Amino acid sequence: MKNYFVLVAILLLVACATSTPDIPWRAGGGTLKKMSPAEVRACKAKKGKVKPGYIAETCVYPTKDAGKSCNDWNQCEAGCVAPEGAKQNDPVTGTCKNLAGAGGCTNWVDAGYATGKICSD
């Protein structure tokens, strides 16, 4: 029984000493995966800005169809957004999202119905 407790103690010490992956939302910080210089140039060519995400940098850029009326996510460059106040499964007409690459929580339109808020990076 004594050996069992010694083994558990050793395993706990090893687990505490093992490095953890760099995840930015982890207490104490971490590092983001940086975009390459070529990716940054391509982002700027789209009039975009490099922004930190949860795991990696991302390019946030204006869409060409922002504000256009839509009934499904695939009708827009960055998705179709439900009107403010729409509840999940409400039949709706949405508008095309104004920024591509921007994370957050969005109430999308899928086949003419509000999805309810879905969050992404």
N, C-alpha and C. Protein backbone atom coordinates (compact mmCIF):
# COMPACT_ATOMS: atom_id res chain seq x y z
N MET A 1 0.83 -1.19 0.00
CA MET A 1 0.00 0.00 0.00
C MET A 1 0.87 1.25 0.00
N LYS A 2 1.99 1.19 0.75
CA LYS A 2 2.91 2.32 0.82
C LYS A 2 3.46 2.64 -0.57
N ASN A 3 3.80 1.58 -1.35
CA ASN A 3 4.31 1.78 -2.70
C ASN A 3 3.29 2.47 -3.60
N TYR A 4 2.01 2.17 -3.39
CA TYR A 4 0.94 2.78 -4.16
C TYR A 4 0.94 4.29 -3.94
N PHE A 5 1.03 4.75 -2.70
CA PHE A 5 1.03 6.18 -2.40
C PHE A 5 2.28 6.87 -2.95
N VAL A 6 3.40 6.19 -2.90
CA VAL A 6 4.64 6.74 -3.45
C VAL A 6 4.48 6.90 -4.97
N LEU A 7 3.93 5.90 -5.63
CA LEU A 7 3.72 5.96 -7.06
C LEU A 7 2.78 7.11 -7.43
N VAL A 8 1.69 7.26 -6.70
CA VAL A 8 0.73 8.34 -6.96
C VAL A 8 1.42 9.70 -6.76
N ALA A 9 2.21 9.84 -5.72
CA ALA A 9 2.92 11.10 -5.47
C ALA A 9 3.89 11.42 -6.60
N ILE A 10 4.60 10.42 -7.08
CA ILE A 10 5.54 10.64 -8.18
C ILE A 10 4.79 11.04 -9.45
N LEU A 11 3.70 10.37 -9.73
CA LEU A 11 2.92 10.70 -10.93
C LEU A 11 2.37 12.13 -10.84
N LEU A 12 1.93 12.53 -9.67
CA LEU A 12 1.44 13.90 -9.50
C LEU A 12 2.55 14.92 -9.72
N LEU A 13 3.73 14.65 -9.19
CA LEU A 13 4.85 15.56 -9.38
C LEU A 13 5.24 15.66 -10.85
N VAL A 14 5.26 14.54 -11.54
CA VAL A 14 5.60 14.54 -12.96
C VAL A 14 4.55 15.31 -13.74
N ALA A 15 3.29 15.11 -13.41
CA ALA A 15 2.22 15.81 -14.12
C ALA A 15 2.33 17.31 -13.91
N CYS A 16 2.68 17.75 -12.73
CA CYS A 16 2.82 19.17 -12.45
C CYS A 16 4.04 19.77 -13.14
N ALA A 17 5.07 18.98 -13.32
CA ALA A 17 6.31 19.48 -13.91
C ALA A 17 6.27 19.49 -15.43
N THR A 18 5.36 18.72 -16.02
CA THR A 18 5.28 18.64 -17.48
C THR A 18 4.77 19.94 -18.04
N SER A 19 5.39 20.41 -19.11
CA SER A 19 4.95 21.68 -19.70
C SER A 19 3.59 21.49 -20.37
N THR A 20 2.83 22.56 -20.40
CA THR A 20 1.52 22.54 -21.04
C THR A 20 1.62 23.28 -22.37
N PRO A 21 0.74 22.98 -23.31
CA PRO A 21 0.80 23.68 -24.59
C PRO A 21 0.48 25.15 -24.41
N ASP A 22 0.96 25.98 -25.33
CA ASP A 22 0.69 27.41 -25.27
C ASP A 22 -0.73 27.69 -25.73
N ILE A 23 -1.61 27.90 -24.79
CA ILE A 23 -3.00 28.23 -25.07
C ILE A 23 -3.25 29.58 -24.44
N PRO A 24 -3.58 30.61 -25.24
CA PRO A 24 -3.64 31.97 -24.73
C PRO A 24 -4.65 32.21 -23.63
N TRP A 25 -5.74 31.48 -23.59
CA TRP A 25 -6.72 31.74 -22.54
C TRP A 25 -6.36 31.04 -21.24
N ARG A 26 -5.30 30.27 -21.24
CA ARG A 26 -4.83 29.61 -20.02
C ARG A 26 -4.29 30.68 -19.07
N ALA A 27 -4.61 30.57 -17.80
CA ALA A 27 -4.10 31.53 -16.81
C ALA A 27 -2.59 31.60 -16.93
N GLY A 28 -2.07 32.79 -16.93
CA GLY A 28 -0.63 32.95 -17.06
C GLY A 28 -0.18 33.19 -18.48
N GLY A 29 -1.13 33.18 -19.43
CA GLY A 29 -0.79 33.53 -20.80
C GLY A 29 -0.45 32.36 -21.66
N GLY A 30 0.31 32.60 -22.66
CA GLY A 30 0.66 31.63 -23.68
C GLY A 30 1.03 32.41 -24.92
N THR A 31 1.27 31.74 -26.00
CA THR A 31 1.63 32.45 -27.22
C THR A 31 0.66 32.10 -28.33
N LEU A 32 0.41 33.08 -29.19
CA LEU A 32 -0.43 32.87 -30.35
C LEU A 32 0.41 32.40 -31.51
N LYS A 33 -0.18 31.59 -32.38
CA LYS A 33 0.49 31.22 -33.62
C LYS A 33 0.45 32.46 -34.51
N LYS A 34 1.60 32.92 -34.90
CA LYS A 34 1.72 34.13 -35.71
C LYS A 34 1.49 33.82 -37.19
N MET A 35 0.90 34.80 -37.90
CA MET A 35 0.76 34.68 -39.35
C MET A 35 2.13 34.90 -39.99
N SER A 36 2.34 34.25 -41.11
CA SER A 36 3.60 34.42 -41.84
C SER A 36 3.59 35.79 -42.51
N PRO A 37 4.77 36.31 -42.89
CA PRO A 37 4.81 37.59 -43.62
C PRO A 37 3.95 37.57 -44.89
N ALA A 38 3.93 36.44 -45.60
CA ALA A 38 3.11 36.33 -46.82
C ALA A 38 1.62 36.41 -46.48
N GLU A 39 1.22 35.78 -45.37
CA GLU A 39 -0.19 35.84 -44.95
C GLU A 39 -0.57 37.25 -44.54
N VAL A 40 0.34 37.96 -43.89
CA VAL A 40 0.08 39.36 -43.48
C VAL A 40 -0.08 40.23 -44.72
N ARG A 41 0.79 40.04 -45.72
CA ARG A 41 0.68 40.81 -46.97
C ARG A 41 -0.65 40.53 -47.68
N ALA A 42 -1.05 39.27 -47.72
CA ALA A 42 -2.33 38.90 -48.36
C ALA A 42 -3.50 39.52 -47.60
N CYS A 43 -3.40 39.57 -46.29
CA CYS A 43 -4.44 40.18 -45.47
C CYS A 43 -4.56 41.67 -45.78
N LYS A 44 -3.44 42.34 -45.80
CA LYS A 44 -3.44 43.79 -46.07
C LYS A 44 -3.94 44.09 -47.48
N ALA A 45 -3.69 43.19 -48.43
CA ALA A 45 -4.17 43.37 -49.80
C ALA A 45 -5.69 43.35 -49.85
N LYS A 46 -6.33 42.68 -48.88
CA LYS A 46 -7.79 42.65 -48.80
C LYS A 46 -8.33 43.78 -47.92
N LYS A 47 -7.46 44.74 -47.59
CA LYS A 47 -7.80 45.83 -46.67
C LYS A 47 -8.15 45.29 -45.28
N GLY A 48 -7.48 44.20 -44.93
CA GLY A 48 -7.73 43.57 -43.65
C GLY A 48 -6.73 43.98 -42.58
N LYS A 49 -7.03 43.57 -41.36
CA LYS A 49 -6.15 43.82 -40.22
C LYS A 49 -5.88 42.49 -39.52
N VAL A 50 -4.65 42.30 -39.11
CA VAL A 50 -4.27 41.11 -38.36
C VAL A 50 -4.72 41.30 -36.92
N LYS A 51 -5.51 40.35 -36.43
CA LYS A 51 -6.04 40.41 -35.07
C LYS A 51 -5.71 39.12 -34.34
N PRO A 52 -5.51 39.20 -33.02
CA PRO A 52 -5.27 37.97 -32.27
C PRO A 52 -6.57 37.19 -32.11
N GLY A 53 -6.49 35.88 -32.27
CA GLY A 53 -7.62 35.00 -32.00
C GLY A 53 -7.32 34.28 -30.69
N TYR A 54 -8.03 33.22 -30.40
CA TYR A 54 -7.75 32.46 -29.18
C TYR A 54 -6.51 31.59 -29.33
N ILE A 55 -6.28 31.09 -30.54
CA ILE A 55 -5.16 30.19 -30.76
C ILE A 55 -4.16 30.76 -31.75
N ALA A 56 -4.64 31.49 -32.74
CA ALA A 56 -3.75 32.01 -33.79
C ALA A 56 -4.22 33.40 -34.23
N GLU A 57 -3.29 34.13 -34.82
CA GLU A 57 -3.66 35.40 -35.43
C GLU A 57 -4.59 35.11 -36.61
N THR A 58 -5.45 36.05 -36.91
CA THR A 58 -6.38 35.89 -38.01
C THR A 58 -6.49 37.21 -38.78
N CYS A 59 -6.92 37.13 -40.01
CA CYS A 59 -7.13 38.31 -40.84
C CYS A 59 -8.61 38.67 -40.81
N VAL A 60 -8.91 39.86 -40.37
CA VAL A 60 -10.29 40.36 -40.35
C VAL A 60 -10.38 41.42 -41.44
N TYR A 61 -11.26 41.20 -42.40
CA TYR A 61 -11.35 42.11 -43.54
C TYR A 61 -12.81 42.37 -43.92
N PRO A 62 -13.08 43.53 -44.52
CA PRO A 62 -14.45 43.87 -44.92
C PRO A 62 -14.93 42.98 -46.07
N THR A 63 -16.19 42.60 -46.02
CA THR A 63 -16.75 41.77 -47.09
C THR A 63 -17.32 42.66 -48.20
N LYS A 64 -17.40 42.10 -49.39
CA LYS A 64 -17.92 42.85 -50.54
C LYS A 64 -19.44 42.91 -50.54
N ASP A 65 -20.10 41.97 -49.83
CA ASP A 65 -21.56 41.91 -49.86
C ASP A 65 -22.21 42.34 -48.54
N ALA A 66 -21.48 43.06 -47.72
CA ALA A 66 -21.99 43.49 -46.40
C ALA A 66 -23.35 44.18 -46.53
N GLY A 67 -24.29 43.75 -45.69
CA GLY A 67 -25.60 44.39 -45.64
C GLY A 67 -26.61 43.85 -46.65
N LYS A 68 -26.17 43.02 -47.58
CA LYS A 68 -27.08 42.44 -48.58
C LYS A 68 -28.08 41.51 -47.88
N SER A 69 -29.30 41.49 -48.35
CA SER A 69 -30.33 40.62 -47.81
C SER A 69 -30.01 39.16 -48.14
N CYS A 70 -30.27 38.25 -47.21
CA CYS A 70 -29.96 36.84 -47.42
C CYS A 70 -30.90 35.94 -46.61
N ASN A 71 -30.97 34.68 -47.05
CA ASN A 71 -31.80 33.68 -46.36
C ASN A 71 -31.01 32.44 -45.95
N ASP A 72 -29.70 32.43 -46.26
CA ASP A 72 -28.88 31.27 -45.92
C ASP A 72 -27.43 31.70 -45.81
N TRP A 73 -26.69 31.06 -44.95
CA TRP A 73 -25.29 31.43 -44.68
C TRP A 73 -24.43 31.40 -45.92
N ASN A 74 -24.70 30.46 -46.84
CA ASN A 74 -23.83 30.32 -48.01
C ASN A 74 -24.12 31.33 -49.11
N GLN A 75 -25.06 32.23 -48.93
CA GLN A 75 -25.33 33.28 -49.90
C GLN A 75 -24.39 34.47 -49.71
N CYS A 76 -23.58 34.43 -48.66
CA CYS A 76 -22.72 35.56 -48.31
C CYS A 76 -21.27 35.13 -48.16
N GLU A 77 -20.39 36.08 -48.37
CA GLU A 77 -18.95 35.84 -48.25
C GLU A 77 -18.57 35.37 -46.84
N ALA A 78 -19.17 35.98 -45.81
CA ALA A 78 -18.80 35.64 -44.43
C ALA A 78 -19.99 35.15 -43.61
N GLY A 79 -21.09 34.81 -44.26
CA GLY A 79 -22.25 34.28 -43.56
C GLY A 79 -23.40 35.27 -43.48
N CYS A 80 -24.56 34.73 -43.23
CA CYS A 80 -25.81 35.50 -43.15
C CYS A 80 -26.21 35.62 -41.68
N VAL A 81 -26.37 36.86 -41.21
CA VAL A 81 -26.64 37.13 -39.80
C VAL A 81 -28.13 37.43 -39.59
N ALA A 82 -28.71 36.79 -38.59
CA ALA A 82 -30.12 37.01 -38.25
C ALA A 82 -30.32 38.40 -37.66
N PRO A 83 -31.52 38.97 -37.82
CA PRO A 83 -31.77 40.28 -37.23
C PRO A 83 -31.72 40.24 -35.70
N GLU A 84 -31.39 41.38 -35.11
CA GLU A 84 -31.34 41.51 -33.65
C GLU A 84 -32.68 41.06 -33.05
N GLY A 85 -32.62 40.27 -32.01
CA GLY A 85 -33.82 39.83 -31.31
C GLY A 85 -34.42 38.54 -31.83
N ALA A 86 -33.92 38.03 -32.97
CA ALA A 86 -34.45 36.77 -33.50
C ALA A 86 -34.08 35.62 -32.57
N LYS A 87 -35.03 34.75 -32.35
CA LYS A 87 -34.80 33.59 -31.49
C LYS A 87 -34.54 32.36 -32.35
N GLN A 88 -33.90 31.36 -31.74
CA GLN A 88 -33.59 30.12 -32.45
C GLN A 88 -34.85 29.56 -33.10
N ASN A 89 -34.73 29.17 -34.36
CA ASN A 89 -35.78 28.58 -35.18
C ASN A 89 -36.85 29.57 -35.65
N ASP A 90 -36.68 30.88 -35.38
CA ASP A 90 -37.58 31.88 -35.96
C ASP A 90 -37.33 31.96 -37.46
N PRO A 91 -38.39 32.03 -38.29
CA PRO A 91 -38.17 32.27 -39.72
C PRO A 91 -37.73 33.72 -39.90
N VAL A 92 -36.60 33.93 -40.59
CA VAL A 92 -36.04 35.28 -40.70
C VAL A 92 -35.41 35.51 -42.07
N THR A 93 -35.25 36.78 -42.41
CA THR A 93 -34.40 37.22 -43.51
C THR A 93 -33.26 37.96 -42.85
N GLY A 94 -32.03 37.59 -43.19
CA GLY A 94 -30.87 38.20 -42.55
C GLY A 94 -30.14 39.16 -43.47
N THR A 95 -28.97 39.57 -43.01
CA THR A 95 -28.09 40.42 -43.81
C THR A 95 -26.69 39.80 -43.80
N CYS A 96 -25.99 40.00 -44.90
CA CYS A 96 -24.62 39.47 -45.00
C CYS A 96 -23.72 40.18 -44.00
N LYS A 97 -22.88 39.39 -43.33
CA LYS A 97 -21.96 39.90 -42.32
C LYS A 97 -20.97 40.89 -42.96
N ASN A 98 -20.62 41.94 -42.21
CA ASN A 98 -19.76 42.98 -42.77
C ASN A 98 -18.27 42.70 -42.65
N LEU A 99 -17.87 41.77 -41.78
CA LEU A 99 -16.45 41.44 -41.62
C LEU A 99 -16.24 39.94 -41.72
N ALA A 100 -15.24 39.53 -42.48
CA ALA A 100 -14.85 38.12 -42.55
C ALA A 100 -13.68 37.91 -41.60
N GLY A 101 -13.62 36.74 -41.00
CA GLY A 101 -12.51 36.41 -40.12
C GLY A 101 -12.72 36.83 -38.68
N ALA A 102 -13.77 37.60 -38.41
CA ALA A 102 -14.03 38.06 -37.04
C ALA A 102 -14.76 36.96 -36.27
N GLY A 103 -14.24 36.61 -35.13
CA GLY A 103 -14.88 35.62 -34.28
C GLY A 103 -15.96 36.25 -33.43
N GLY A 104 -16.41 35.52 -32.45
CA GLY A 104 -17.43 36.02 -31.55
C GLY A 104 -18.67 35.15 -31.62
N CYS A 105 -19.74 35.64 -31.03
CA CYS A 105 -21.00 34.92 -31.00
C CYS A 105 -21.98 35.58 -31.97
N THR A 106 -22.53 34.79 -32.87
CA THR A 106 -23.40 35.31 -33.92
C THR A 106 -24.64 34.44 -34.04
N ASN A 107 -25.78 35.07 -34.25
CA ASN A 107 -27.03 34.38 -34.55
C ASN A 107 -27.12 34.31 -36.08
N TRP A 108 -26.79 33.16 -36.64
CA TRP A 108 -26.73 32.99 -38.09
C TRP A 108 -28.11 32.68 -38.66
N VAL A 109 -28.22 32.74 -39.99
CA VAL A 109 -29.42 32.30 -40.70
C VAL A 109 -29.03 31.08 -41.51
N ASP A 110 -29.78 30.00 -41.34
CA ASP A 110 -29.55 28.77 -42.07
C ASP A 110 -30.89 28.33 -42.66
N ALA A 111 -30.99 28.30 -43.98
CA ALA A 111 -32.20 27.90 -44.69
C ALA A 111 -33.43 28.70 -44.24
N GLY A 112 -33.23 30.02 -43.98
CA GLY A 112 -34.32 30.89 -43.63
C GLY A 112 -34.71 30.92 -42.16
N TYR A 113 -33.95 30.24 -41.31
CA TYR A 113 -34.26 30.19 -39.87
C TYR A 113 -33.05 30.62 -39.04
N ALA A 114 -33.33 31.32 -37.97
CA ALA A 114 -32.26 31.74 -37.05
C ALA A 114 -31.71 30.50 -36.33
N THR A 115 -30.38 30.46 -36.21
CA THR A 115 -29.74 29.30 -35.55
C THR A 115 -29.67 29.46 -34.03
N GLY A 116 -29.82 30.68 -33.53
CA GLY A 116 -29.46 30.94 -32.14
C GLY A 116 -27.98 31.24 -32.13
N LYS A 117 -27.48 31.86 -31.09
CA LYS A 117 -26.08 32.29 -31.08
C LYS A 117 -25.12 31.10 -31.09
N ILE A 118 -24.18 31.18 -32.02
CA ILE A 118 -23.10 30.19 -32.12
C ILE A 118 -21.81 30.96 -32.00
N CYS A 119 -20.91 30.51 -31.13
CA CYS A 119 -19.67 31.23 -30.86
C CYS A 119 -18.48 30.53 -31.53
N SER A 120 -17.57 31.36 -32.07
CA SER A 120 -16.38 30.81 -32.71
C SER A 120 -15.23 31.78 -32.58
N ASP A 121 -14.04 31.27 -32.85
CA ASP A 121 -12.83 32.11 -32.83
C ASP A 121 -12.62 32.67 -34.21
